[in-house]
C-alpha atoms as a PDB file:
ATOM      1  CA  MET A   1      -0.683 -11.246 -13.049  1.00  0.00           C
ATOM      2  CA  ARG A   2       0.985  -7.838 -13.166  1.00  0.00           C
ATOM      3  CA  ASN A   3       3.349  -7.165 -16.006  1.00  0.00           C
ATOM      4  CA  PRO A   4       6.938  -6.852 -14.626  1.00  0.00           C
ATOM      5  CA  LYS A   5       8.014  -4.660 -17.549  1.00  0.00           C
ATOM      6  CA  ALA A   6       5.256  -2.101 -16.851  1.00  0.00           C
ATOM      7  CA  TYR A   7       6.596   1.099 -15.239  1.00  0.00           C
ATOM      8  CA  SER A   8       4.686   2.933 -12.487  1.00  0.00           C
ATOM      9  CA  ALA A   9       4.643   6.618 -11.941  1.00  0.00           C
ATOM     10  CA  VAL A  10       7.923   6.390  -9.737  1.00  0.00           C
ATOM     11  CA  HIS A  11      10.045   5.020 -12.636  1.00  0.00           C
ATOM     12  CA  THR A  12      11.543   7.008 -15.454  1.00  0.00           C
ATOM     13  CA  GLU A  13      13.728   6.025 -18.323  1.00  0.00           C
ATOM     14  CA  LEU A  14      16.813   6.632 -16.050  1.00  0.00           C
ATOM     15  CA  GLY A  15      15.585   4.244 -13.363  1.00  0.00           C
ATOM     16  CA  HIS A  16      13.800   4.415 -10.039  1.00  0.00           C
ATOM     17  CA  LEU A  17      13.309   7.773  -8.505  1.00  0.00           C
ATOM     18  CA  SER A  18      14.187   8.110  -4.931  1.00  0.00           C
ATOM     19  CA  LEU A  19      12.577  10.403  -2.390  1.00  0.00           C
ATOM     20  CA  ASN A  20      14.315  12.668   0.190  1.00  0.00           C
ATOM     21  CA  LEU A  21      12.869  13.167   3.702  1.00  0.00           C
ATOM     22  CA  GLN A  22      11.274  16.426   2.841  1.00  0.00           C
ATOM     23  CA  ASP A  23       9.386  14.796  -0.129  1.00  0.00           C
ATOM     24  CA  ALA A  24       8.255  12.065   2.142  1.00  0.00           C
ATOM     25  CA  THR A  25       7.032  14.404   4.920  1.00  0.00           C
ATOM     26  CA  LEU A  26       5.130  16.449   2.347  1.00  0.00           C
ATOM     27  CA  ALA A  27       3.414  13.199   1.105  1.00  0.00           C
ATOM     28  CA  LEU A  28       2.388  12.415   4.722  1.00  0.00           C
ATOM     29  CA  PHE A  29       1.064  15.979   5.216  1.00  0.00           C
ATOM     30  CA  LEU A  30      -0.907  15.783   1.872  1.00  0.00           C
ATOM     31  CA  ALA A  31      -2.329  12.217   2.862  1.00  0.00           C
ATOM     32  CA  ALA A  32      -3.417  13.648   6.188  1.00  0.00           C
ATOM     33  CA  ARG A  33      -5.104  16.695   4.484  1.00  0.00           C
ATOM     34  CA  ILE A  34      -6.671  14.897   1.632  1.00  0.00           C
ATOM     35  CA  HIS A  35      -7.681  11.525   3.205  1.00  0.00           C
ATOM     36  CA  GLY A  36      -7.593  12.308   6.953  1.00  0.00           C
ATOM     37  CA  THR A  37      -7.493   8.581   8.014  1.00  0.00           C
ATOM     38  CA  ASP A  38      -4.920   6.505   9.936  1.00  0.00           C
ATOM     39  CA  SER A  39      -4.884   3.811   7.267  1.00  0.00           C
ATOM     40  CA  ALA A  40      -4.064   6.511   4.483  1.00  0.00           C
ATOM     41  CA  ILE A  41      -1.237   7.742   6.755  1.00  0.00           C
ATOM     42  CA  LYS A  42       0.197   4.355   7.367  1.00  0.00           C
ATOM     43  CA  ALA A  43       0.002   3.383   3.679  1.00  0.00           C
ATOM     44  CA  THR A  44       1.713   6.494   2.657  1.00  0.00           C
ATOM     45  CA  ALA A  45       4.483   6.179   5.194  1.00  0.00           C
ATOM     46  CA  LYS A  46       5.094   2.430   4.023  1.00  0.00           C
ATOM     47  CA  ARG A  47       5.289   3.480   0.390  1.00  0.00           C
ATOM     48  CA  CYS A  48       7.664   6.466   1.233  1.00  0.00           C
ATOM     49  CA  ALA A  49       9.946   4.292   3.423  1.00  0.00           C
ATOM     50  CA  LYS A  50      10.492   2.078   0.511  1.00  0.00           C
ATOM     51  CA  GLN A  51      11.803   4.931  -1.544  1.00  0.00           C
ATOM     52  CA  LEU A  52      13.799   6.586   1.127  1.00  0.00           C
ATOM     53  CA  PRO A  53      17.573   5.881   1.872  1.00  0.00           C
ATOM     54  CA  ARG A  54      17.900   3.548   4.843  1.00  0.00           C
ATOM     55  CA  SER A  55      19.366   6.175   6.916  1.00  0.00           C
ATOM     56  CA  LYS A  56      16.320   8.448   6.505  1.00  0.00           C
ATOM     57  CA  ARG A  57      13.440   5.846   7.158  1.00  0.00           C
ATOM     58  CA  ASP A  58      13.128   6.301  10.927  1.00  0.00           C
ATOM     59  CA  LEU A  59      10.286   8.819  10.910  1.00  0.00           C
ATOM     60  CA  MET A  60       8.308   6.719   8.438  1.00  0.00           C
ATOM     61  CA  PHE A  61       8.685   3.589  10.749  1.00  0.00           C
ATOM     62  CA  VAL A  62       7.638   5.561  13.747  1.00  0.00           C
ATOM     63  CA  ILE A  63       4.488   6.637  11.918  1.00  0.00           C
ATOM     64  CA  VAL A  64       3.745   3.188  10.696  1.00  0.00           C
ATOM     65  CA  ASP A  65       4.069   1.728  14.242  1.00  0.00           C
ATOM     66  CA  SER A  66       2.036   4.597  15.903  1.00  0.00           C
ATOM     67  CA  ASN A  67      -1.347   3.790  17.276  1.00  0.00           C
ATOM     68  CA  GLU A  68      -2.640   7.158  16.110  1.00  0.00           C
ATOM     69  CA  PRO A  69      -0.595   8.116  13.066  1.00  0.00           C
ATOM     70  CA  LEU A  70      -3.012  10.905  11.967  1.00  0.00           C
ATOM     71  CA  LYS A  71      -2.658  12.658  15.395  1.00  0.00           C
ATOM     72  CA  LEU A  72       0.995  12.151  15.096  1.00  0.00           C
ATOM     73  CA  VAL A  73       1.159  13.849  11.563  1.00  0.00           C
ATOM     74  CA  ASN A  74      -1.121  16.559  12.697  1.00  0.00           C
ATOM     75  CA  TYR A  75       1.202  17.291  15.616  1.00  0.00           C
ATOM     76  CA  LEU A  76       4.280  17.438  13.298  1.00  0.00           C
ATOM     77  CA  THR A  77       2.386  19.888  11.039  1.00  0.00           C
ATOM     78  CA  GLN A  78       1.456  22.239  13.906  1.00  0.00           C
ATOM     79  CA  HIS A  79       5.098  22.319  15.164  1.00  0.00           C
ATOM     80  CA  LEU A  80       7.104  23.024  12.148  1.00  0.00           C
ATOM     81  CA  ASP A  81       9.518  25.768  12.409  1.00  0.00           C
END
């Protein structure tokens, strides 16, 4: 059983670190580049959604629900302005 007092990389002495949408998007782009699989993209989007404020989670849920999340993330990277 996992030790509930153990801290993961997303915890600090001050508490839980939250992401902003820019951080989460960068994590998705990196997952696409490094892993290049739909499952890696979905897993990253799920993890990021948990750490984003509720009002900023829409994009992550769209990616998780997508049939082809890798193609969607690649499309986003190609159309950045």
